[in-house]
Structures are given as C-alpha cells and as structure tokens.
Amino acid sequence: MPDIAEATAALTGIAAAAQQGAGDTLRVVLLVSMVGGALLAWFLLRGYGRGRADEDPSERSGDTSARGASGDAGDANA
C-alpha cells in the first residue's frame, strides 16, 4: 500500500504548481504598455521640433485672418 504522506505531498506540489497566477501575463501586459507608451510619446512629440525656429508666423499655411477668406476690410466677418 502506498504511503499516504508521499501521495499527499505530491498532490499538494502539483496543485501549488498549477496555481502560479498570472505572472507571465502581467509581465507581457506591462512590457507592451511600456513600449506602447514610449511609441505614443514619440509620435506626439516628434512634430514639436520641426521648422519652428526659422518660420515666420505670418507665413504659416494654416493661419487665416479674422476678416475671412477675401481679406477685404469691408468683409462681413471683419
């Protein structure tokens, strides 16, 4: 007849090994979130250093006057 203590120890060891938790999953999630955060920061910050020092503010392509598209002083939007 087998020893009950050895069988109990073996079953306890197997049960403990099966309940290790989500350690590997959390490591992967942490690594992916850190890489994603770095890529997001790079994407958002990459445009701030391009051509701002030598550019004249009046020559910006997106800059429109408050008078409207025509630029006329008699425009209704003036």
Protein backbone atom coordinates (compact mmCIF):
# COMPACT_ATOMS: atom_id res chain seq x y z
CA MET A 1 0.00 0.00 0.00
CA PRO A 2 1.43 3.44 -0.92
CA ASP A 3 2.39 5.92 1.72
CA ILE A 4 -0.37 8.50 2.19
CA ALA A 5 2.03 11.28 3.21
CA GLU A 6 4.05 10.99 0.00
CA ALA A 7 0.90 10.98 -2.15
CA THR A 8 -0.47 14.00 -0.28
CA ALA A 9 2.82 15.88 -0.69
CA ALA A 10 2.91 15.07 -4.40
CA LEU A 11 -0.70 16.21 -4.92
CA THR A 12 -0.05 19.39 -2.92
CA GLY A 13 3.01 20.14 -5.04
CA ILE A 14 1.07 19.61 -8.26
CA ALA A 15 -1.78 21.85 -7.03
CA ALA A 16 0.66 24.59 -5.98
CA ALA A 17 2.40 24.45 -9.35
CA ALA A 18 -0.93 24.79 -11.17
CA GLN A 19 -1.91 27.91 -9.19
CA GLN A 20 1.05 30.14 -10.03
CA GLY A 21 -1.19 33.05 -11.01
CA ALA A 22 -0.99 35.46 -13.89
CA GLY A 23 2.70 36.38 -13.57
CA ASP A 24 3.65 35.82 -17.20
CA THR A 25 0.51 37.54 -18.46
CA LEU A 26 1.12 40.58 -16.28
CA ARG A 27 4.73 40.77 -17.45
CA VAL A 28 3.60 40.78 -21.08
CA VAL A 29 0.92 43.40 -20.41
CA LEU A 30 3.42 45.59 -18.56
CA LEU A 31 6.02 45.29 -21.32
CA VAL A 32 3.51 46.03 -24.10
CA SER A 33 2.09 49.03 -22.23
CA MET A 34 5.57 50.48 -21.66
CA VAL A 35 6.52 50.06 -25.31
CA GLY A 36 3.16 51.50 -26.37
CA GLY A 37 3.60 54.48 -24.06
CA ALA A 38 7.06 55.16 -25.46
CA LEU A 39 5.77 54.96 -29.04
CA LEU A 40 2.83 57.24 -28.21
CA ALA A 41 5.15 59.80 -26.62
CA TRP A 42 7.45 59.68 -29.63
CA PHE A 43 4.51 60.10 -32.02
CA LEU A 44 3.08 63.07 -30.11
CA LEU A 45 6.39 64.81 -29.51
CA ARG A 46 8.05 64.31 -32.89
CA GLY A 47 6.41 67.32 -34.55
CA TYR A 48 7.41 69.94 -31.95
CA GLY A 49 10.98 70.35 -33.13
CA ARG A 50 10.37 70.67 -36.86
CA GLY A 51 10.88 74.04 -38.53
CA ARG A 52 9.53 76.29 -35.81
CA ALA A 53 12.63 78.43 -35.19
CA ASP A 54 13.15 79.85 -38.69
CA GLU A 55 9.50 80.06 -39.73
CA ASP A 56 7.78 83.45 -39.91
CA PRO A 57 4.43 83.35 -38.09
CA SER A 58 2.72 85.26 -40.91
CA GLU A 59 3.74 82.60 -43.46
CA ARG A 60 2.03 79.66 -41.76
CA SER A 61 -0.27 77.82 -44.13
CA GLY A 62 -2.98 77.30 -41.51
CA ASP A 63 -3.02 80.93 -40.35
CA THR A 64 -6.10 82.78 -41.62
CA SER A 65 -7.11 86.33 -40.89
CA ALA A 66 -10.19 87.25 -38.92
CA ARG A 67 -11.61 89.05 -41.95
CA GLY A 68 -12.44 85.88 -43.80
CA ALA A 69 -11.15 84.33 -46.98
CA SER A 70 -11.13 87.52 -49.04
CA GLY A 71 -9.07 89.62 -46.61
CA ASP A 72 -11.15 92.66 -47.52
CA ALA A 73 -11.68 95.27 -44.78
CA GLY A 74 -15.32 95.57 -45.78
CA ASP A 75 -15.97 91.88 -45.36
CA ALA A 76 -18.93 90.94 -43.16
CA ASN A 77 -16.68 88.92 -40.87
CA ALA A 78 -14.43 91.90 -40.04
